[in-house]
Amino acid sequence: LGGGKNEEKKKYIIIGVLVLVIGCLIGLYIFNKKDNTNNDKQVK
């Protein structure tokens, strides 16, 4: 019973990192999509 709290804390840290990575990936995707749209407007 003495090691249960550490495991739960570790779990939340991992989840937080995953959320942060996913958020960065989503932001990067949106940024790239917007930039490509501007390029399309300039060339087309």
PDB file of all heavy atoms in Angstrom:
ATOM      1  N   LEU A   1       0.809  -1.188   0.000  1.00  0.00           N
ATOM      2  CA  LEU A   1       0.000   0.000   0.000  1.00  0.00           C
ATOM      3  C   LEU A   1       0.861   1.265   0.000  1.00  0.00           C
ATOM      4  O   LEU A   1       0.454   2.308  -0.435  1.00  0.00           O
ATOM      5  CB  LEU A   1      -0.935   0.004   1.224  1.00  0.00           C
ATOM      6  CG  LEU A   1      -1.958  -1.162   1.249  1.00  0.00           C
ATOM      7  CD1 LEU A   1      -2.772  -1.117   2.574  1.00  0.00           C
ATOM      8  CD2 LEU A   1      -2.853  -1.145   0.082  1.00  0.00           C
ATOM      9  N   GLY A   2       2.068   1.199   0.421  1.00  0.00           N
ATOM     10  CA  GLY A   2       2.912   2.403   0.476  1.00  0.00           C
ATOM     11  C   GLY A   2       3.309   2.945  -0.921  1.00  0.00           C
ATOM     12  O   GLY A   2       3.495   4.128  -1.088  1.00  0.00           O
ATOM     13  N   GLY A   3       3.358   2.285  -2.135  1.00  0.00           N
ATOM     14  CA  GLY A   3       3.796   2.773  -3.498  1.00  0.00           C
ATOM     15  C   GLY A   3       2.661   3.149  -4.434  1.00  0.00           C
ATOM     16  O   GLY A   3       2.865   3.550  -5.546  1.00  0.00           O
ATOM     17  N   GLY A   4       1.447   3.202  -4.065  1.00  0.00           N
ATOM     18  CA  GLY A   4       0.287   3.470  -4.963  1.00  0.00           C
ATOM     19  C   GLY A   4       0.214   4.935  -5.417  1.00  0.00           C
ATOM     20  O   GLY A   4      -0.102   5.268  -6.538  1.00  0.00           O
ATOM     21  N   LYS A   5       0.495   5.877  -4.596  1.00  0.00           N
ATOM     22  CA  LYS A   5       0.403   7.308  -4.953  1.00  0.00           C
ATOM     23  C   LYS A   5       1.418   7.701  -6.037  1.00  0.00           C
ATOM     24  O   LYS A   5       1.158   8.511  -6.908  1.00  0.00           O
ATOM     25  CB  LYS A   5       0.611   8.154  -3.716  1.00  0.00           C
ATOM     26  CG  LYS A   5      -0.550   8.053  -2.730  1.00  0.00           C
ATOM     27  CD  LYS A   5      -0.306   8.964  -1.569  1.00  0.00           C
ATOM     28  CE  LYS A   5      -1.473   8.888  -0.555  1.00  0.00           C
ATOM     29  NZ  LYS A   5      -1.299   9.766   0.594  1.00  0.00           N
ATOM     30  N   ASN A   6       2.588   7.174  -6.030  1.00  0.00           N
ATOM     31  CA  ASN A   6       3.622   7.509  -7.033  1.00  0.00           C
ATOM     32  C   ASN A   6       3.243   7.061  -8.443  1.00  0.00           C
ATOM     33  O   ASN A   6       3.498   7.730  -9.432  1.00  0.00           O
ATOM     34  CB  ASN A   6       4.955   6.903  -6.651  1.00  0.00           C
ATOM     35  CG  ASN A   6       5.539   7.598  -5.408  1.00  0.00           C
ATOM     36  OD1 ASN A   6       5.258   8.762  -5.165  1.00  0.00           O
ATOM     37  ND2 ASN A   6       6.340   6.852  -4.639  1.00  0.00           N
ATOM     38  N   GLU A   7       2.630   5.917  -8.504  1.00  0.00           N
ATOM     39  CA  GLU A   7       2.219   5.372  -9.792  1.00  0.00           C
ATOM     40  C   GLU A   7       1.134   6.241 -10.425  1.00  0.00           C
ATOM     41  O   GLU A   7       1.136   6.519 -11.608  1.00  0.00           O
ATOM     42  CB  GLU A   7       1.724   3.918  -9.608  1.00  0.00           C
ATOM     43  CG  GLU A   7       2.799   2.933  -9.274  1.00  0.00           C
ATOM     44  CD  GLU A   7       3.773   2.777 -10.407  1.00  0.00           C
ATOM     45  OE1 GLU A   7       3.368   2.975 -11.595  1.00  0.00           O
ATOM     46  OE2 GLU A   7       4.960   2.485 -10.153  1.00  0.00           O
ATOM     47  N   GLU A   8       0.232   6.689  -9.596  1.00  0.00           N
ATOM     48  CA  GLU A   8      -0.872   7.524 -10.100  1.00  0.00           C
ATOM     49  C   GLU A   8      -0.339   8.874 -10.588  1.00  0.00           C
ATOM     50  O   GLU A   8      -0.748   9.405 -11.613  1.00  0.00           O
ATOM     51  CB  GLU A   8      -1.892   7.717  -8.968  1.00  0.00           C
ATOM     52  CG  GLU A   8      -3.132   8.461  -9.437  1.00  0.00           C
ATOM     53  CD  GLU A   8      -4.169   8.533  -8.325  1.00  0.00           C
ATOM     54  OE1 GLU A   8      -3.962   7.967  -7.253  1.00  0.00           O
ATOM     55  OE2 GLU A   8      -5.203   9.168  -8.589  1.00  0.00           O
ATOM     56  N   LYS A   9       0.629   9.426  -9.913  1.00  0.00           N
ATOM     57  CA  LYS A   9       1.232  10.706 -10.302  1.00  0.00           C
ATOM     58  C   LYS A   9       1.963  10.584 -11.644  1.00  0.00           C
ATOM     59  O   LYS A   9       1.898  11.450 -12.512  1.00  0.00           O
ATOM     60  CB  LYS A   9       2.185  11.142  -9.205  1.00  0.00           C
ATOM     61  CG  LYS A   9       2.761  12.528  -9.443  1.00  0.00           C
ATOM     62  CD  LYS A   9       3.652  12.892  -8.270  1.00  0.00           C
ATOM     63  CE  LYS A   9       4.250  14.254  -8.459  1.00  0.00           C
ATOM     64  NZ  LYS A   9       5.124  14.646  -7.324  1.00  0.00           N
ATOM     65  N   LYS A  10       2.644   9.504 -11.774  1.00  0.00           N
ATOM     66  CA  LYS A  10       3.386   9.238 -13.018  1.00  0.00           C
ATOM     67  C   LYS A  10       2.454   9.143 -14.208  1.00  0.00           C
ATOM     68  O   LYS A  10       2.723   9.626 -15.308  1.00  0.00           O
ATOM     69  CB  LYS A  10       4.187   7.960 -12.834  1.00  0.00           C
ATOM     70  CG  LYS A  10       5.134   7.656 -13.961  1.00  0.00           C
ATOM     71  CD  LYS A  10       5.935   6.423 -13.619  1.00  0.00           C
ATOM     72  CE  LYS A  10       6.926   6.089 -14.696  1.00  0.00           C
ATOM     73  NZ  LYS A  10       7.738   4.899 -14.397  1.00  0.00           N
ATOM     74  N   LYS A  11       1.302   8.555 -13.948  1.00  0.00           N
ATOM     75  CA  LYS A  11       0.301   8.362 -14.999  1.00  0.00           C
ATOM     76  C   LYS A  11      -0.184   9.713 -15.509  1.00  0.00           C
ATOM     77  O   LYS A  11      -0.317   9.958 -16.703  1.00  0.00           O
ATOM     78  CB  LYS A  11      -0.841   7.530 -14.425  1.00  0.00           C
ATOM     79  CG  LYS A  11      -1.999   7.303 -15.402  1.00  0.00           C
ATOM     80  CD  LYS A  11      -3.067   6.439 -14.739  1.00  0.00           C
ATOM     81  CE  LYS A  11      -4.247   6.236 -15.655  1.00  0.00           C
ATOM     82  NZ  LYS A  11      -5.314   5.433 -14.986  1.00  0.00           N
ATOM     83  N   TYR A  12      -0.433  10.628 -14.563  1.00  0.00           N
ATOM     84  CA  TYR A  12      -0.927  11.965 -14.977  1.00  0.00           C
ATOM     85  C   TYR A  12       0.119  12.746 -15.743  1.00  0.00           C
ATOM     86  O   TYR A  12      -0.188  13.521 -16.649  1.00  0.00           O
ATOM     87  CB  TYR A  12      -1.360  12.752 -13.740  1.00  0.00           C
ATOM     88  CG  TYR A  12      -2.711  12.288 -13.206  1.00  0.00           C
ATOM     89  CD1 TYR A  12      -2.818  11.756 -11.942  1.00  0.00           C
ATOM     90  CD2 TYR A  12      -3.867  12.402 -14.003  1.00  0.00           C
ATOM     91  CE1 TYR A  12      -4.043  11.338 -11.439  1.00  0.00           C
ATOM     92  CE2 TYR A  12      -5.080  11.983 -13.483  1.00  0.00           C
ATOM     93  CZ  TYR A  12      -5.185  11.473 -12.231  1.00  0.00           C
ATOM     94  OH  TYR A  12      -6.361  11.054 -11.727  1.00  0.00           O
ATOM     95  N   ILE A  13       1.355  12.537 -15.391  1.00  0.00           N
ATOM     96  CA  ILE A  13       2.430  13.238 -16.100  1.00  0.00           C
ATOM     97  C   ILE A  13       2.493  12.784 -17.557  1.00  0.00           C
ATOM     98  O   ILE A  13       2.628  13.585 -18.474  1.00  0.00           O
ATOM     99  CB  ILE A  13       3.781  12.994 -15.395  1.00  0.00           C
ATOM    100  CG1 ILE A  13       3.783  13.736 -14.053  1.00  0.00           C
ATOM    101  CG2 ILE A  13       4.935  13.487 -16.258  1.00  0.00           C
ATOM    102  CD1 ILE A  13       4.993  13.412 -13.180  1.00  0.00           C
ATOM    103  N   ILE A  14       2.375  11.494 -17.730  1.00  0.00           N
ATOM    104  CA  ILE A  14       2.429  10.947 -19.089  1.00  0.00           C
ATOM    105  C   ILE A  14       1.270  11.464 -19.918  1.00  0.00           C
ATOM    106  O   ILE A  14       1.424  11.878 -21.078  1.00  0.00           O
ATOM    107  CB  ILE A  14       2.440   9.405 -19.046  1.00  0.00           C
ATOM    108  CG1 ILE A  14       3.740   8.920 -18.417  1.00  0.00           C
ATOM    109  CG2 ILE A  14       2.254   8.825 -20.447  1.00  0.00           C
ATOM    110  CD1 ILE A  14       3.779   7.435 -18.127  1.00  0.00           C
ATOM    111  N   ILE A  15       0.105  11.473 -19.272  1.00  0.00           N
ATOM    112  CA  ILE A  15      -1.074  11.968 -20.007  1.00  0.00           C
ATOM    113  C   ILE A  15      -0.886  13.424 -20.394  1.00  0.00           C
ATOM    114  O   ILE A  15      -1.183  13.864 -21.507  1.00  0.00           O
ATOM    115  CB  ILE A  15      -2.335  11.779 -19.146  1.00  0.00           C
ATOM    116  CG1 ILE A  15      -2.632  10.285 -18.993  1.00  0.00           C
ATOM    117  CG2 ILE A  15      -3.551  12.495 -19.751  1.00  0.00           C
ATOM    118  CD1 ILE A  15      -3.750   9.939 -17.980  1.00  0.00           C
ATOM    119  N   GLY A  16      -0.351  14.203 -19.482  1.00  0.00           N
ATOM    120  CA  GLY A  16      -0.139  15.632 -19.774  1.00  0.00           C
ATOM    121  C   GLY A  16       0.836  15.855 -20.927  1.00  0.00           C
ATOM    122  O   GLY A  16       0.638  16.751 -21.777  1.00  0.00           O
ATOM    123  N   VAL A  17       1.914  15.032 -20.931  1.00  0.00           N
ATOM    124  CA  VAL A  17       2.889  15.167 -22.029  1.00  0.00           C
ATOM    125  C   VAL A  17       2.258  14.826 -23.354  1.00  0.00           C
ATOM    126  O   VAL A  17       2.470  15.503 -24.364  1.00  0.00           O
ATOM    127  CB  VAL A  17       4.112  14.276 -21.755  1.00  0.00           C
ATOM    128  CG1 VAL A  17       5.015  14.246 -22.981  1.00  0.00           C
ATOM    129  CG2 VAL A  17       4.884  14.767 -20.541  1.00  0.00           C
ATOM    130  N   LEU A  18       1.428  13.750 -23.326  1.00  0.00           N
ATOM    131  CA  LEU A  18       0.762  13.348 -24.569  1.00  0.00           C
ATOM    132  C   LEU A  18      -0.178  14.454 -25.071  1.00  0.00           C
ATOM    133  O   LEU A  18      -0.229  14.742 -26.265  1.00  0.00           O
ATOM    134  CB  LEU A  18      -0.003  12.039 -24.349  1.00  0.00           C
ATOM    135  CG  LEU A  18       0.839  10.774 -24.145  1.00  0.00           C
ATOM    136  CD1 LEU A  18      -0.032   9.560 -23.775  1.00  0.00           C
ATOM    137  CD2 LEU A  18       1.650  10.469 -25.405  1.00  0.00           C
ATOM    138  N   VAL A  19      -0.893  15.037 -24.154  1.00  0.00           N
ATOM    139  CA  VAL A  19      -1.811  16.129 -24.564  1.00  0.00           C
ATOM    140  C   VAL A  19      -1.032  17.300 -25.159  1.00  0.00           C
ATOM    141  O   VAL A  19      -1.406  17.893 -26.170  1.00  0.00           O
ATOM    142  CB  VAL A  19      -2.646  16.591 -23.352  1.00  0.00           C
ATOM    143  CG1 VAL A  19      -3.432  17.869 -23.696  1.00  0.00           C
ATOM    144  CG2 VAL A  19      -3.592  15.474 -22.905  1.00  0.00           C
ATOM    145  N   LEU A  20       0.104  17.613 -24.514  1.00  0.00           N
ATOM    146  CA  LEU A  20       0.928  18.720 -25.014  1.00  0.00           C
ATOM    147  C   LEU A  20       1.469  18.425 -26.410  1.00  0.00           C
ATOM    148  O   LEU A  20       1.454  19.278 -27.311  1.00  0.00           O
ATOM    149  CB  LEU A  20       2.072  18.984 -24.038  1.00  0.00           C
ATOM    150  CG  LEU A  20       3.027  20.128 -24.416  1.00  0.00           C
ATOM    151  CD1 LEU A  20       2.270  21.435 -24.522  1.00  0.00           C
ATOM    152  CD2 LEU A  20       4.139  20.227 -23.398  1.00  0.00           C
ATOM    153  N   VAL A  21       1.928  17.191 -26.579  1.00  0.00           N
ATOM    154  CA  VAL A  21       2.465  16.826 -27.911  1.00  0.00           C
ATOM    155  C   VAL A  21       1.378  16.876 -28.975  1.00  0.00           C
ATOM    156  O   VAL A  21       1.567  17.401 -30.082  1.00  0.00           O
ATOM    157  CB  VAL A  21       3.105  15.427 -27.851  1.00  0.00           C
ATOM    158  CG1 VAL A  21       3.451  14.915 -29.247  1.00  0.00           C
ATOM    159  CG2 VAL A  21       4.328  15.439 -26.981  1.00  0.00           C
ATOM    160  N   ILE A  22       0.203  16.333 -28.583  1.00  0.00           N
ATOM    161  CA  ILE A  22      -0.908  16.334 -29.551  1.00  0.00           C
ATOM    162  C   ILE A  22      -1.312  17.761 -29.881  1.00  0.00           C
ATOM    163  O   ILE A  22      -1.574  18.116 -31.038  1.00  0.00           O
ATOM    164  CB  ILE A  22      -2.095  15.534 -28.981  1.00  0.00           C
ATOM    165  CG1 ILE A  22      -1.729  14.047 -28.899  1.00  0.00           C
ATOM    166  CG2 ILE A  22      -3.342  15.736 -29.850  1.00  0.00           C
ATOM    167  CD1 ILE A  22      -2.744  13.180 -28.140  1.00  0.00           C
ATOM    168  N   GLY A  23      -1.337  18.624 -28.893  1.00  0.00           N
ATOM    169  CA  GLY A  23      -1.689  20.039 -29.137  1.00  0.00           C
ATOM    170  C   GLY A  23      -0.699  20.706 -30.063  1.00  0.00           C
ATOM    171  O   GLY A  23      -1.066  21.496 -30.942  1.00  0.00           O
ATOM    172  N   CYS A  24       0.586  20.401 -29.845  1.00  0.00           N
ATOM    173  CA  CYS A  24       1.606  21.001 -30.726  1.00  0.00           C
ATOM    174  C   CYS A  24       1.453  20.518 -32.169  1.00  0.00           C
ATOM    175  O   CYS A  24       1.601  21.289 -33.138  1.00  0.00           O
ATOM    176  CB  CYS A  24       3.001  20.657 -30.200  1.00  0.00           C
ATOM    177  SG  CYS A  24       3.407  21.523 -28.680  1.00  0.00           S
ATOM    178  N   LEU A  25       1.171  19.202 -32.261  1.00  0.00           N
ATOM    179  CA  LEU A  25       0.999  18.652 -33.600  1.00  0.00           C
ATOM    180  C   LEU A  25      -0.208  19.279 -34.311  1.00  0.00           C
ATOM    181  O   LEU A  25      -0.155  19.604 -35.505  1.00  0.00           O
ATOM    182  CB  LEU A  25       0.861  17.126 -33.532  1.00  0.00           C
ATOM    183  CG  LEU A  25       2.119  16.361 -33.109  1.00  0.00           C
ATOM    184  CD1 LEU A  25       1.805  14.875 -32.924  1.00  0.00           C
ATOM    185  CD2 LEU A  25       3.227  16.546 -34.144  1.00  0.00           C
ATOM    186  N   ILE A  26      -1.288  19.438 -33.545  1.00  0.00           N
ATOM    187  CA  ILE A  26      -2.500  20.047 -34.131  1.00  0.00           C
ATOM    188  C   ILE A  26      -2.220  21.493 -34.541  1.00  0.00           C
ATOM    189  O   ILE A  26      -2.595  21.964 -35.615  1.00  0.00           O
ATOM    190  CB  ILE A  26      -3.668  19.966 -33.132  1.00  0.00           C
ATOM    191  CG1 ILE A  26      -4.095  18.511 -32.945  1.00  0.00           C
ATOM    192  CG2 ILE A  26      -4.854  20.818 -33.621  1.00  0.00           C
ATOM    193  CD1 ILE A  26      -5.134  18.297 -31.833  1.00  0.00           C
ATOM    194  N   GLY A  27      -1.524  22.235 -33.678  1.00  0.00           N
ATOM    195  CA  GLY A  27      -1.202  23.640 -34.003  1.00  0.00           C
ATOM    196  C   GLY A  27      -0.306  23.753 -35.212  1.00  0.00           C
ATOM    197  O   GLY A  27      -0.480  24.638 -36.062  1.00  0.00           O
ATOM    198  N   LEU A  28       0.676  22.842 -35.268  1.00  0.00           N
ATOM    199  CA  LEU A  28       1.577  22.853 -36.413  1.00  0.00           C
ATOM    200  C   LEU A  28       0.829  22.546 -37.701  1.00  0.00           C
ATOM    201  O   LEU A  28       1.058  23.142 -38.761  1.00  0.00           O
ATOM    202  CB  LEU A  28       2.712  21.854 -36.188  1.00  0.00           C
ATOM    203  CG  LEU A  28       3.780  21.766 -37.279  1.00  0.00           C
ATOM    204  CD1 LEU A  28       4.481  23.113 -37.418  1.00  0.00           C
ATOM    205  CD2 LEU A  28       4.796  20.689 -36.927  1.00  0.00           C
ATOM    206  N   TYR A  29      -0.106  21.611 -37.607  1.00  0.00           N
ATOM    207  CA  TYR A  29      -0.910  21.233 -38.761  1.00  0.00           C
ATOM    208  C   TYR A  29      -1.762  22.419 -39.251  1.00  0.00           C
ATOM    209  O   TYR A  29      -1.827  22.729 -40.448  1.00  0.00           O
ATOM    210  CB  TYR A  29      -1.800  20.046 -38.405  1.00  0.00           C
ATOM    211  CG  TYR A  29      -2.818  19.698 -39.481  1.00  0.00           C
ATOM    212  CD1 TYR A  29      -2.431  19.010 -40.642  1.00  0.00           C
ATOM    213  CD2 TYR A  29      -4.150  20.081 -39.355  1.00  0.00           C
ATOM    214  CE1 TYR A  29      -3.366  18.706 -41.623  1.00  0.00           C
ATOM    215  CE2 TYR A  29      -5.078  19.782 -40.335  1.00  0.00           C
ATOM    216  CZ  TYR A  29      -4.683  19.092 -41.471  1.00  0.00           C
ATOM    217  OH  TYR A  29      -5.610  18.800 -42.419  1.00  0.00           O
ATOM    218  N   ILE A  30      -2.378  23.059 -38.301  1.00  0.00           N
ATOM    219  CA  ILE A  30      -3.234  24.209 -38.658  1.00  0.00           C
ATOM    220  C   ILE A  30      -2.395  25.328 -39.271  1.00  0.00           C
ATOM    221  O   ILE A  30      -2.768  25.960 -40.255  1.00  0.00           O
ATOM    222  CB  ILE A  30      -3.984  24.701 -37.409  1.00  0.00           C
ATOM    223  CG1 ILE A  30      -4.993  23.627 -36.954  1.00  0.00           C
ATOM    224  CG2 ILE A  30      -4.688  26.028 -37.682  1.00  0.00           C
ATOM    225  CD1 ILE A  30      -5.673  23.951 -35.630  1.00  0.00           C
ATOM    226  N   PHE A  31      -1.233  25.574 -38.713  1.00  0.00           N
ATOM    227  CA  PHE A  31      -0.348  26.634 -39.228  1.00  0.00           C
ATOM    228  C   PHE A  31       0.098  26.337 -40.643  1.00  0.00           C
ATOM    229  O   PHE A  31       0.078  27.192 -41.522  1.00  0.00           O
ATOM    230  CB  PHE A  31       0.864  26.775 -38.295  1.00  0.00           C
ATOM    231  CG  PHE A  31       1.865  27.782 -38.796  1.00  0.00           C
ATOM    232  CD1 PHE A  31       1.659  29.144 -38.599  1.00  0.00           C
ATOM    233  CD2 PHE A  31       3.013  27.359 -39.463  1.00  0.00           C
ATOM    234  CE1 PHE A  31       2.585  30.056 -39.060  1.00  0.00           C
ATOM    235  CE2 PHE A  31       3.926  28.285 -39.929  1.00  0.00           C
ATOM    236  CZ  PHE A  31       3.723  29.641 -39.728  1.00  0.00           C
ATOM    237  N   ASN A  32       0.524  25.065 -40.837  1.00  0.00           N
ATOM    238  CA  ASN A  32       0.967  24.673 -42.181  1.00  0.00           C
ATOM    239  C   ASN A  32      -0.166  24.753 -43.193  1.00  0.00           C
ATOM    240  O   ASN A  32       0.019  25.153 -44.343  1.00  0.00           O
ATOM    241  CB  ASN A  32       1.554  23.263 -42.166  1.00  0.00           C
ATOM    242  CG  ASN A  32       2.915  23.233 -41.469  1.00  0.00           C
ATOM    243  OD1 ASN A  32       3.614  24.247 -41.413  1.00  0.00           O
ATOM    244  ND2 ASN A  32       3.290  22.081 -40.921  1.00  0.00           N
ATOM    245  N   LYS A  33      -1.360  24.375 -42.767  1.00  0.00           N
ATOM    246  CA  LYS A  33      -2.509  24.411 -43.676  1.00  0.00           C
ATOM    247  C   LYS A  33      -2.845  25.848 -44.070  1.00  0.00           C
ATOM    248  O   LYS A  33      -3.124  26.159 -45.222  1.00  0.00           O
ATOM    249  CB  LYS A  33      -3.712  23.746 -43.004  1.00  0.00           C
ATOM    250  CG  LYS A  33      -4.935  23.634 -43.941  1.00  0.00           C
ATOM    251  CD  LYS A  33      -6.027  22.820 -43.268  1.00  0.00           C
ATOM    252  CE  LYS A  33      -7.233  22.641 -44.178  1.00  0.00           C
ATOM    253  NZ  LYS A  33      -6.921  21.914 -45.388  1.00  0.00           N
ATOM    254  N   LYS A  34      -2.777  26.783 -43.125  1.00  0.00           N
ATOM    255  CA  LYS A  34      -3.057  28.193 -43.392  1.00  0.00           C
ATOM    256  C   LYS A  34      -2.015  28.794 -44.318  1.00  0.00           C
ATOM    257  O   LYS A  34      -2.319  29.545 -45.234  1.00  0.00           O
ATOM    258  CB  LYS A  34      -3.094  28.954 -42.066  1.00  0.00           C
ATOM    259  CG  LYS A  34      -3.460  30.417 -42.243  1.00  0.00           C
ATOM    260  CD  LYS A  34      -3.537  31.083 -40.879  1.00  0.00           C
ATOM    261  CE  LYS A  34      -3.911  32.555 -41.044  1.00  0.00           C
ATOM    262  NZ  LYS A  34      -3.984  33.232 -39.730  1.00  0.00           N
ATOM    263  N   ASP A  35      -0.742  28.422 -44.098  1.00  0.00           N
ATOM    264  CA  ASP A  35       0.340  28.949 -44.937  1.00  0.00           C
ATOM    265  C   ASP A  35       0.217  28.442 -46.356  1.00  0.00           C
ATOM    266  O   ASP A  35       0.437  29.175 -47.318  1.00  0.00           O
ATOM    267  CB  ASP A  35       1.683  28.545 -44.329  1.00  0.00           C
ATOM    268  CG  ASP A  35       2.840  29.212 -45.047  1.00  0.00           C
ATOM    269  OD1 ASP A  35       2.878  30.466 -45.058  1.00  0.00           O
ATOM    270  OD2 ASP A  35       3.679  28.498 -45.624  1.00  0.00           O
ATOM    271  N   ASN A  36      -0.169  27.173 -46.483  1.00  0.00           N
ATOM    272  CA  ASN A  36      -0.354  26.603 -47.817  1.00  0.00           C
ATOM    273  C   ASN A  36      -1.522  27.268 -48.532  1.00  0.00           C
ATOM    274  O   ASN A  36      -1.489  27.470 -49.741  1.00  0.00           O
ATOM    275  CB  ASN A  36      -0.587  25.087 -47.724  1.00  0.00           C
ATOM    276  CG  ASN A  36       0.697  24.351 -47.351  1.00  0.00           C
ATOM    277  OD1 ASN A  36       1.799  24.872 -47.590  1.00  0.00           O
ATOM    278  ND2 ASN A  36       0.567  23.171 -46.757  1.00  0.00           N
ATOM    279  N   THR A  37      -2.545  27.620 -47.736  1.00  0.00           N
ATOM    280  CA  THR A  37      -3.700  28.305 -48.331  1.00  0.00           C
ATOM    281  C   THR A  37      -3.306  29.664 -48.871  1.00  0.00           C
ATOM    282  O   THR A  37      -3.684  30.070 -49.972  1.00  0.00           O
ATOM    283  CB  THR A  37      -4.819  28.476 -47.284  1.00  0.00           C
ATOM    284  OG1 THR A  37      -5.202  27.201 -46.822  1.00  0.00           O
ATOM    285  CG2 THR A  37      -6.015  29.178 -47.902  1.00  0.00           C
ATOM    286  N   ASN A  38      -2.452  30.409 -48.123  1.00  0.00           N
ATOM    287  CA  ASN A  38      -1.971  31.716 -48.589  1.00  0.00           C
ATOM    288  C   ASN A  38      -1.128  31.583 -49.848  1.00  0.00           C
ATOM    289  O   ASN A  38      -1.200  32.398 -50.757  1.00  0.00           O
ATOM    290  CB  ASN A  38      -1.148  32.401 -47.497  1.00  0.00           C
ATOM    291  CG  ASN A  38      -2.049  32.889 -46.345  1.00  0.00           C
ATOM    292  OD1 ASN A  38      -3.236  33.081 -46.546  1.00  0.00           O
ATOM    293  ND2 ASN A  38      -1.454  33.052 -45.172  1.00  0.00           N
ATOM    294  N   ASN A  39      -0.285  30.502 -49.834  1.00  0.00           N
ATOM    295  CA  ASN A  39       0.542  30.273 -51.026  1.00  0.00           C
ATOM    296  C   ASN A  39      -0.317  29.987 -52.238  1.00  0.00           C
ATOM    297  O   ASN A  39      -0.032  30.419 -53.342  1.00  0.00           O
ATOM    298  CB  ASN A  39       1.520  29.128 -50.790  1.00  0.00           C
ATOM    299  CG  ASN A  39       2.653  29.555 -49.852  1.00  0.00           C
ATOM    300  OD1 ASN A  39       2.937  30.737 -49.719  1.00  0.00           O
ATOM    301  ND2 ASN A  39       3.284  28.579 -49.195  1.00  0.00           N
ATOM    302  N   ASP A  40      -1.373  29.205 -51.992  1.00  0.00           N
ATOM    303  CA  ASP A  40      -2.278  28.899 -53.093  1.00  0.00           C
ATOM    304  C   ASP A  40      -2.920  30.174 -53.624  1.00  0.00           C
ATOM    305  O   ASP A  40      -3.067  30.366 -54.824  1.00  0.00           O
ATOM    306  CB  ASP A  40      -3.359  27.903 -52.634  1.00  0.00           C
ATOM    307  CG  ASP A  40      -2.790  26.502 -52.417  1.00  0.00           C
ATOM    308  OD1 ASP A  40      -1.672  26.256 -52.942  1.00  0.00           O
ATOM    309  OD2 ASP A  40      -3.438  25.690 -51.748  1.00  0.00           O
ATOM    310  N   LYS A  41      -3.278  31.091 -52.707  1.00  0.00           N
ATOM    311  CA  LYS A  41      -3.884  32.347 -53.150  1.00  0.00           C
ATOM    312  C   LYS A  41      -2.899  33.176 -53.951  1.00  0.00           C
ATOM    313  O   LYS A  41      -3.250  33.864 -54.890  1.00  0.00           O
ATOM    314  CB  LYS A  41      -4.357  33.147 -51.942  1.00  0.00           C
ATOM    315  CG  LYS A  41      -5.622  32.590 -51.315  1.00  0.00           C
ATOM    316  CD  LYS A  41      -6.073  33.477 -50.161  1.00  0.00           C
ATOM    317  CE  LYS A  41      -7.351  32.934 -49.540  1.00  0.00           C
ATOM    318  NZ  LYS A  41      -7.820  33.794 -48.432  1.00  0.00           N
ATOM    319  N   GLN A  42      -1.614  33.152 -53.604  1.00  0.00           N
ATOM    320  CA  GLN A  42      -0.618  33.961 -54.276  1.00  0.00           C
ATOM    321  C   GLN A  42      -0.284  33.412 -55.656  1.00  0.00           C
ATOM    322  O   GLN A  42      -0.142  34.147 -56.594  1.00  0.00           O
ATOM    323  CB  GLN A  42       0.646  34.027 -53.436  1.00  0.00           C
ATOM    324  CG  GLN A  42       1.740  34.875 -54.078  1.00  0.00           C
ATOM    325  CD  GLN A  42       2.946  34.978 -53.170  1.00  0.00           C
ATOM    326  OE1 GLN A  42       2.844  34.760 -51.958  1.00  0.00           O
ATOM    327  NE2 GLN A  42       4.070  35.290 -53.751  1.00  0.00           N
ATOM    328  N   VAL A  43      -0.194  32.117 -55.804  1.00  0.00           N
ATOM    329  CA  VAL A  43       0.215  31.488 -57.048  1.00  0.00           C
ATOM    330  C   VAL A  43      -0.954  31.313 -57.996  1.00  0.00           C
ATOM    331  O   VAL A  43      -0.850  31.509 -59.189  1.00  0.00           O
ATOM    332  CB  VAL A  43       0.913  30.142 -56.780  1.00  0.00           C
ATOM    333  CG1 VAL A  43       1.252  29.446 -58.081  1.00  0.00           C
ATOM    334  CG2 VAL A  43       2.145  30.370 -55.944  1.00  0.00           C
ATOM    335  N   LYS A  44      -2.084  31.007 -57.475  1.00  0.00           N
ATOM    336  CA  LYS A  44      -3.239  30.773 -58.315  1.00  0.00           C
ATOM    337  C   LYS A  44      -3.832  32.125 -58.703  1.00  0.00           C
ATOM    338  O   LYS A  44      -4.384  32.834 -57.855  1.00  0.00           O
ATOM    339  CB  LYS A  44      -4.279  29.936 -57.586  1.00  0.00           C
ATOM    340  CG  LYS A  44      -5.439  29.509 -58.472  1.00  0.00           C
ATOM    341  CD  LYS A  44      -6.389  28.611 -57.707  1.00  0.00           C
ATOM    342  CE  LYS A  44      -7.529  28.138 -58.594  1.00  0.00           C
ATOM    343  NZ  LYS A  44      -8.459  27.257 -57.836  1.00  0.00           N
TER     344      LYS A  44
END
